[in-house]
Amino acid sequence: MDWNEKTILVTGGTGSFGRKFVKIMLEGYQPAKLIVFSRDELKQHEMRSTGFDHPSLRYFIGDVRDLMRLRRAMQGVDIVVHAAALKQVPACEYNPIEAIMTNIIGGRNVVEAALDTGVEKVMALSTDKAVNPINLYGATKLAAEKLFIQSNAYAGGGGTRFSCVRYGNVVGSRGSVVPMFLEQRPTGRITITDERMTRFWLSLEEGVRFTIRCIEQMEGGEVFVPKIPSMRVLDLAKAIAPEADIEVIGIRPGEKLHEVLVSEDEARHTLELEDMYVVEPAGALWFGHEWRSLGKPLVEGFRYASNSNENWLEEGEIRKLVAPFDNTSARGQK
């Protein structure tokens, strides 16, 4: 793909993912135009004033809940990366209608606007919490996944293609446990919800580069899942604050002990490649099946879960991932 001929729009462009995506795009791909679409003028101002002021950059104030605004923003756009979402689990539980309006209706609006304006490719960001969800955030992201994948049927021969990337916790992103542990460290007490808890883990840069690669390779209808390491939350706490006391406070509502990136049912129509899994659209007669010549089917009963993963982060690797976010004077204790 010749990125320097493309116009790209990223929703939620002032968030953790959006900022990193813009940085990597400007440094390595030089697109013709890169549009940051978000609803917060202050964050856009702060982003521009901290170095994101490239001639190809455009800042577009708007909300994914506003279909007309999305249509205006997508005029002449080739690629959309949909990263806007309400993602805080407790906030979504307390404000369910707001979560549905942004994560589901907002997703629908992105689909409608992309179809109406002739966008070539739409890549939506999903999460491991969308697999067998037990909280509203996960349920809204599952619904959004279904919207984007099945919207390839609406596109028909029109050319617009929709796919998703699905991965686990991102180190240091909004809502990550890392900033909380760093804040707690000076008190000498770290709180975790359960000693057995595990999570999939990757850096923000890895998530962005995986997304870019999947945009280049997508045919439409796939859910792309990277092969990433697991980590014990207890090991993370010990890596950040080895001298601190660990207090177990009990699992929170809507929280799982372990996360799943590919369920047993999905595995029946999933292909394994060297560094990722590709979930094909189940039962669809359209596109998204070109991966069968590139990957191999999974064995019956396969489940890609954080507690049964073959790849685990060691303490030194955890420290290396956390280091960019540790700006306190206590860094030397790690």
Protein backbone atom coordinates (compact mmCIF):
# COMPACT_ATOMS: atom_id res chain seq x y z
CA MET A 1 0.00 0.00 0.00
CA ASP A 2 1.29 3.45 -0.94
CA TRP A 3 0.46 5.36 2.23
CA ASN A 4 1.76 8.70 0.97
CA GLU A 5 -1.14 8.82 -1.49
CA LYS A 6 -3.77 8.10 1.15
CA THR A 7 -5.96 10.35 3.28
CA ILE A 8 -6.52 8.81 6.71
CA LEU A 9 -9.00 9.67 9.43
CA VAL A 10 -8.62 8.38 12.98
CA THR A 11 -11.55 8.69 15.36
CA GLY A 12 -10.56 9.21 18.97
CA GLY A 13 -7.39 10.69 17.54
CA THR A 14 -6.37 12.47 20.76
CA GLY A 15 -6.44 9.29 22.86
CA SER A 16 -3.52 7.03 23.71
CA PHE A 17 -3.79 4.98 20.54
CA GLY A 18 -4.60 7.96 18.33
CA ARG A 19 -1.57 9.98 19.38
CA LYS A 20 0.79 7.05 18.89
CA PHE A 21 -0.83 6.19 15.55
CA VAL A 22 -0.39 9.77 14.33
CA LYS A 23 3.24 9.85 15.49
CA ILE A 24 4.15 6.61 13.75
CA MET A 25 2.26 7.58 10.59
CA LEU A 26 4.00 10.95 10.32
CA GLU A 27 7.46 9.52 11.02
CA GLY A 28 7.32 6.40 8.88
CA TYR A 29 4.54 6.59 6.30
CA GLN A 30 3.97 10.27 5.38
CA PRO A 31 0.31 10.07 4.31
CA ALA A 32 -1.07 12.78 2.05
CA LYS A 33 -3.44 13.90 4.80
CA LEU A 34 -4.08 12.69 8.34
CA ILE A 35 -7.27 13.81 10.08
CA VAL A 36 -7.60 13.71 13.87
CA PHE A 37 -11.31 13.39 14.68
CA SER A 38 -12.28 13.88 18.33
CA ARG A 39 -14.76 15.77 20.48
CA ASP A 40 -12.37 17.52 22.89
CA GLU A 41 -10.98 20.86 21.65
CA LEU A 42 -8.62 21.12 24.62
CA LYS A 43 -6.99 17.77 23.87
CA GLN A 44 -6.63 18.77 20.23
CA HIS A 45 -4.99 22.04 21.28
CA GLU A 46 -2.65 20.22 23.67
CA MET A 47 -1.79 17.67 20.98
CA ARG A 48 -0.96 20.40 18.48
CA SER A 49 1.08 22.38 21.00
CA THR A 50 3.17 19.35 21.99
CA GLY A 51 4.58 18.84 18.51
CA PHE A 52 1.74 17.36 16.48
CA ASP A 53 1.65 20.24 13.99
CA HIS A 54 2.65 18.66 10.70
CA PRO A 55 1.46 20.23 7.39
CA SER A 56 -0.48 17.04 6.54
CA LEU A 57 -2.35 17.07 9.87
CA ARG A 58 -5.94 18.28 10.19
CA TYR A 59 -7.89 18.58 13.44
CA PHE A 60 -11.61 17.96 13.15
CA ILE A 61 -13.88 18.48 16.16
CA GLY A 62 -16.79 16.05 16.19
CA ASP A 63 -18.44 13.18 18.00
CA VAL A 64 -18.95 9.70 16.55
CA ARG A 65 -22.55 10.01 17.76
CA ASP A 66 -23.05 12.69 15.07
CA LEU A 67 -23.57 10.99 11.71
CA MET A 68 -23.70 14.22 9.70
CA ARG A 69 -20.40 15.39 11.17
CA LEU A 70 -18.76 12.06 10.36
CA ARG A 71 -19.99 12.29 6.79
CA ARG A 72 -18.45 15.73 6.48
CA ALA A 73 -15.17 14.57 8.01
CA MET A 74 -14.91 11.53 5.72
CA GLN A 75 -15.21 13.43 2.45
CA GLY A 76 -12.21 12.37 0.36
CA VAL A 77 -10.96 9.94 3.01
CA ASP A 78 -9.43 6.62 1.92
CA ILE A 79 -8.84 4.87 5.26
CA VAL A 80 -10.62 5.17 8.60
CA VAL A 81 -9.17 3.88 11.87
CA HIS A 82 -11.96 3.77 14.44
CA ALA A 83 -10.41 4.13 17.91
CA ALA A 84 -13.05 6.29 19.64
CA ALA A 85 -14.78 4.55 22.55
CA LEU A 86 -15.91 4.78 26.13
CA LYS A 87 -13.60 2.18 27.66
CA GLN A 88 -13.61 2.57 31.45
CA VAL A 89 -15.46 -0.49 32.77
CA PRO A 90 -16.94 1.18 35.91
CA ALA A 91 -18.00 4.27 33.94
CA CYS A 92 -19.75 2.13 31.34
CA GLU A 93 -21.56 0.18 34.06
CA TYR A 94 -22.76 3.38 35.73
CA ASN A 95 -23.64 5.12 32.44
CA PRO A 96 -24.96 2.29 30.24
CA ILE A 97 -26.85 4.43 27.74
CA GLU A 98 -23.79 6.61 27.19
CA ALA A 99 -21.65 3.52 26.55
CA ILE A 100 -24.18 2.18 24.05
CA MET A 101 -24.51 5.55 22.30
CA THR A 102 -20.75 5.90 21.78
CA ASN A 103 -19.57 2.31 21.32
CA ILE A 104 -22.51 0.87 19.38
CA ILE A 105 -24.44 3.74 17.79
CA GLY A 106 -21.14 5.56 17.20
CA GLY A 107 -19.84 2.44 15.45
CA ARG A 108 -22.94 2.32 13.30
CA ASN A 109 -22.43 5.97 12.36
CA VAL A 110 -18.85 5.27 11.30
CA VAL A 111 -20.11 2.44 9.09
CA GLU A 112 -22.86 4.56 7.54
CA ALA A 113 -20.57 7.53 6.89
CA ALA A 114 -17.88 5.32 5.36
CA LEU A 115 -20.38 3.69 3.03
CA ASP A 116 -21.93 7.03 2.07
CA THR A 117 -18.57 8.67 1.27
CA GLY A 118 -16.86 5.75 -0.45
CA VAL A 119 -14.07 5.11 2.06
CA GLU A 120 -11.84 2.22 0.91
CA LYS A 121 -10.97 0.58 4.23
CA VAL A 122 -12.25 0.85 7.80
CA MET A 123 -10.34 -0.78 10.65
CA ALA A 124 -12.07 -0.81 14.04
CA LEU A 125 -10.25 -1.41 17.32
CA SER A 126 -11.70 -4.07 19.60
CA THR A 127 -10.64 -5.73 22.85
CA ASP A 128 -10.32 -9.12 24.52
CA LYS A 129 -13.25 -8.05 26.72
CA ALA A 130 -15.51 -8.48 23.67
CA VAL A 131 -15.02 -12.26 23.88
CA ASN A 132 -17.62 -13.86 26.17
CA PRO A 133 -18.30 -10.45 27.77
CA ILE A 134 -19.40 -10.14 31.39
CA ASN A 135 -19.50 -6.33 31.58
CA LEU A 136 -21.24 -3.68 29.52
CA TYR A 137 -18.03 -2.38 27.97
CA GLY A 138 -17.25 -5.84 26.61
CA ALA A 139 -20.84 -6.28 25.42
CA THR A 140 -20.77 -2.99 23.52
CA LYS A 141 -17.47 -3.89 21.88
CA LEU A 142 -18.83 -7.30 20.89
CA ALA A 143 -21.83 -5.59 19.28
CA ALA A 144 -19.50 -3.13 17.54
CA GLU A 145 -17.39 -5.99 16.19
CA LYS A 146 -20.50 -7.63 14.73
CA LEU A 147 -21.57 -4.31 13.20
CA PHE A 148 -18.29 -3.75 11.42
CA ILE A 149 -17.80 -7.31 10.20
CA GLN A 150 -21.36 -7.79 8.94
CA SER A 151 -21.39 -4.36 7.31
CA ASN A 152 -19.29 -5.84 4.52
CA ALA A 153 -22.60 -7.26 3.29
CA TYR A 154 -23.99 -3.72 3.02
CA ALA A 155 -20.93 -2.65 1.04
CA GLY A 156 -21.51 -5.34 -1.58
CA GLY A 157 -19.67 -4.30 -4.71
CA GLY A 158 -19.31 -0.72 -3.52
CA GLY A 159 -15.73 -1.19 -2.48
CA THR A 160 -15.78 -0.22 1.20
CA ARG A 161 -14.26 -2.95 3.36
CA PHE A 162 -14.52 -3.35 7.14
CA SER A 163 -12.29 -5.35 9.52
CA CYS A 164 -11.34 -5.34 13.20
CA VAL A 165 -8.23 -5.79 15.29
CA ARG A 166 -8.65 -7.34 18.72
CA TYR A 167 -5.92 -7.36 21.35
CA GLY A 168 -5.37 -7.23 25.10
CA ASN A 169 -4.27 -4.67 27.69
CA VAL A 170 -2.00 -1.89 26.47
CA VAL A 171 0.80 -0.84 28.81
CA GLY A 172 0.26 2.66 30.17
CA SER A 173 -2.89 3.46 28.19
CA ARG A 174 -5.89 5.19 29.76
CA GLY A 175 -7.37 2.76 32.27
CA SER A 176 -4.19 0.69 32.52
CA VAL A 177 -3.26 -0.60 35.96
CA VAL A 178 0.34 0.58 35.50
CA PRO A 179 -0.28 4.26 36.40
CA MET A 180 -2.25 3.17 39.47
CA PHE A 181 0.56 0.93 40.72
CA LEU A 182 3.08 3.72 40.14
CA GLU A 183 0.91 6.11 42.15
CA GLN A 184 0.54 3.58 44.96
CA ARG A 185 4.24 2.70 45.15
CA PRO A 186 5.34 5.62 47.38
CA THR A 187 2.78 4.51 49.99
CA GLY A 188 4.44 1.11 50.31
CA ARG A 189 1.14 -0.63 49.59
CA ILE A 190 -0.09 -2.04 46.27
CA THR A 191 -3.67 -3.26 45.86
CA ILE A 192 -4.61 -6.07 43.47
CA THR A 193 -7.98 -7.71 43.07
CA ASP A 194 -6.86 -11.35 42.87
CA GLU A 195 -3.47 -13.04 43.01
CA ARG A 196 -4.42 -15.47 40.25
CA MET A 197 -5.37 -12.79 37.69
CA THR A 198 -3.68 -12.84 34.27
CA ARG A 199 -3.88 -10.53 31.27
CA PHE A 200 -2.66 -10.33 27.69
CA TRP A 201 -0.16 -7.51 27.39
CA LEU A 202 1.46 -5.43 24.65
CA SER A 203 2.98 -2.01 24.21
CA LEU A 204 1.14 0.85 22.55
CA GLU A 205 3.64 0.89 19.68
CA GLU A 206 3.13 -2.84 19.09
CA GLY A 207 -0.63 -2.31 18.98
CA VAL A 208 -0.35 0.54 16.49
CA ARG A 209 2.11 -1.23 14.20
CA PHE A 210 -0.02 -4.38 14.24
CA THR A 211 -3.05 -2.30 13.25
CA ILE A 212 -1.18 -0.64 10.39
CA ARG A 213 0.01 -4.01 9.06
CA CYS A 214 -3.51 -5.43 9.23
CA ILE A 215 -4.89 -2.46 7.30
CA GLU A 216 -2.38 -3.22 4.57
CA GLN A 217 -3.39 -6.91 4.47
CA MET A 218 -7.15 -6.83 5.12
CA GLU A 219 -9.61 -8.09 2.54
CA GLY A 220 -12.69 -7.27 4.60
CA GLY A 221 -14.54 -9.28 7.25
CA GLU A 222 -11.56 -10.45 9.32
CA VAL A 223 -10.88 -10.01 13.01
CA PHE A 224 -7.11 -9.90 13.45
CA VAL A 225 -5.68 -11.16 16.76
CA PRO A 226 -1.94 -10.81 17.47
CA LYS A 227 0.04 -13.47 19.28
CA ILE A 228 1.09 -11.59 22.40
CA PRO A 229 2.45 -12.55 25.82
CA SER A 230 0.52 -12.99 29.03
CA MET A 231 1.41 -11.51 32.39
CA ARG A 232 0.37 -12.17 35.98
CA VAL A 233 -0.92 -9.01 37.58
CA LEU A 234 0.88 -10.05 40.77
CA ASP A 235 4.18 -10.16 38.85
CA LEU A 236 3.47 -6.67 37.51
CA ALA A 237 2.92 -5.33 41.01
CA LYS A 238 6.16 -6.92 42.23
CA ALA A 239 8.11 -5.58 39.23
CA ILE A 240 6.89 -2.03 39.85
CA ALA A 241 7.18 -2.04 43.65
CA PRO A 242 9.23 -5.02 44.90
CA GLU A 243 9.44 -3.63 48.44
CA ALA A 244 5.74 -2.83 48.79
CA ASP A 245 3.14 -4.86 50.64
CA ILE A 246 0.57 -6.51 48.38
CA GLU A 247 -3.05 -6.23 49.53
CA VAL A 248 -5.71 -8.39 47.83
CA ILE A 249 -8.97 -6.42 47.81
CA GLY A 250 -11.22 -8.82 45.90
CA ILE A 251 -12.34 -9.00 42.29
CA ARG A 252 -14.49 -6.09 41.09
CA PRO A 253 -17.89 -6.34 39.39
CA GLY A 254 -17.48 -6.95 35.67
CA GLU A 255 -13.89 -8.17 36.02
CA LYS A 256 -12.59 -11.56 34.88
CA LEU A 257 -9.78 -13.61 36.33
CA HIS A 258 -8.48 -14.32 32.83
CA GLU A 259 -9.17 -12.88 29.39
CA VAL A 260 -9.79 -14.69 26.09
CA LEU A 261 -8.79 -13.44 22.64
CA VAL A 262 -10.14 -16.38 20.60
CA SER A 263 -12.97 -18.47 22.02
CA GLU A 264 -13.55 -22.18 21.37
CA ASP A 265 -16.51 -21.40 19.11
CA GLU A 266 -14.59 -18.82 17.07
CA ALA A 267 -11.66 -21.21 16.73
CA ARG A 268 -13.68 -23.31 14.29
CA HIS A 269 -13.44 -20.54 11.70
CA THR A 270 -10.05 -19.11 12.70
CA LEU A 271 -6.72 -19.56 10.94
CA GLU A 272 -3.32 -19.48 12.59
CA LEU A 273 -0.43 -17.61 11.01
CA GLU A 274 3.11 -17.21 12.32
CA ASP A 275 2.42 -14.18 14.49
CA MET A 276 -1.37 -13.81 14.57
CA TYR A 277 -4.77 -15.45 14.30
CA VAL A 278 -7.32 -14.42 11.68
CA VAL A 279 -10.97 -14.95 12.60
CA GLU A 280 -12.87 -15.34 9.36
CA PRO A 281 -16.48 -14.17 9.04
CA ALA A 282 -18.60 -17.15 10.03
CA GLY A 283 -21.09 -18.22 7.40
CA ALA A 284 -20.49 -15.22 5.17
CA LEU A 285 -20.54 -15.81 1.44
CA TRP A 286 -18.64 -12.64 0.56
CA PHE A 287 -14.95 -11.89 1.10
CA GLY A 288 -12.57 -12.44 3.99
CA HIS A 289 -11.71 -16.04 3.13
CA GLU A 290 -8.48 -15.39 1.22
CA TRP A 291 -6.45 -16.34 4.30
CA ARG A 292 -7.08 -20.08 3.92
CA SER A 293 -4.08 -20.44 1.63
CA LEU A 294 -1.85 -18.59 4.12
CA GLY A 295 -2.77 -20.07 7.50
CA LYS A 296 -3.71 -23.37 9.07
CA PRO A 297 -6.95 -24.32 10.85
CA LEU A 298 -6.93 -24.60 14.63
CA VAL A 299 -7.41 -27.88 16.45
CA GLU A 300 -10.83 -28.71 17.87
CA GLY A 301 -11.41 -27.04 21.23
CA PHE A 302 -8.62 -24.47 20.83
CA ARG A 303 -8.94 -21.46 23.12
CA TYR A 304 -6.53 -18.54 23.19
CA ALA A 305 -6.69 -17.43 26.83
CA SER A 306 -4.34 -15.39 29.02
CA ASN A 307 -3.94 -18.16 31.61
CA SER A 308 -3.14 -20.93 29.11
CA ASN A 309 -0.88 -18.88 26.83
CA GLU A 310 2.51 -20.39 25.97
CA ASN A 311 4.21 -16.98 25.99
CA TRP A 312 4.74 -15.28 29.38
CA LEU A 313 6.49 -12.06 30.33
CA GLU A 314 9.34 -12.41 32.82
CA GLU A 315 9.97 -9.79 35.50
CA GLY A 316 12.76 -8.12 33.53
CA GLU A 317 10.56 -7.84 30.44
CA ILE A 318 7.76 -6.35 32.53
CA ARG A 319 10.13 -3.73 33.93
CA LYS A 320 11.28 -2.81 30.43
CA LEU A 321 7.66 -2.30 29.31
CA VAL A 322 6.82 -0.19 32.35
CA ALA A 323 10.00 1.94 32.30
CA PRO A 324 8.75 4.60 29.82
CA PHE A 325 5.87 5.42 32.16
CA ASP A 326 7.93 5.51 35.36
CA ASN A 327 9.05 9.10 35.84
CA THR A 328 9.33 9.02 39.62
CA SER A 329 12.48 9.28 41.67
CA ALA A 330 11.93 5.71 42.80
CA ARG A 331 12.83 4.25 39.43
CA GLY A 332 16.07 2.90 40.80
CA GLN A 333 14.24 0.55 43.14
CA LYS A 334 12.92 -1.50 40.25
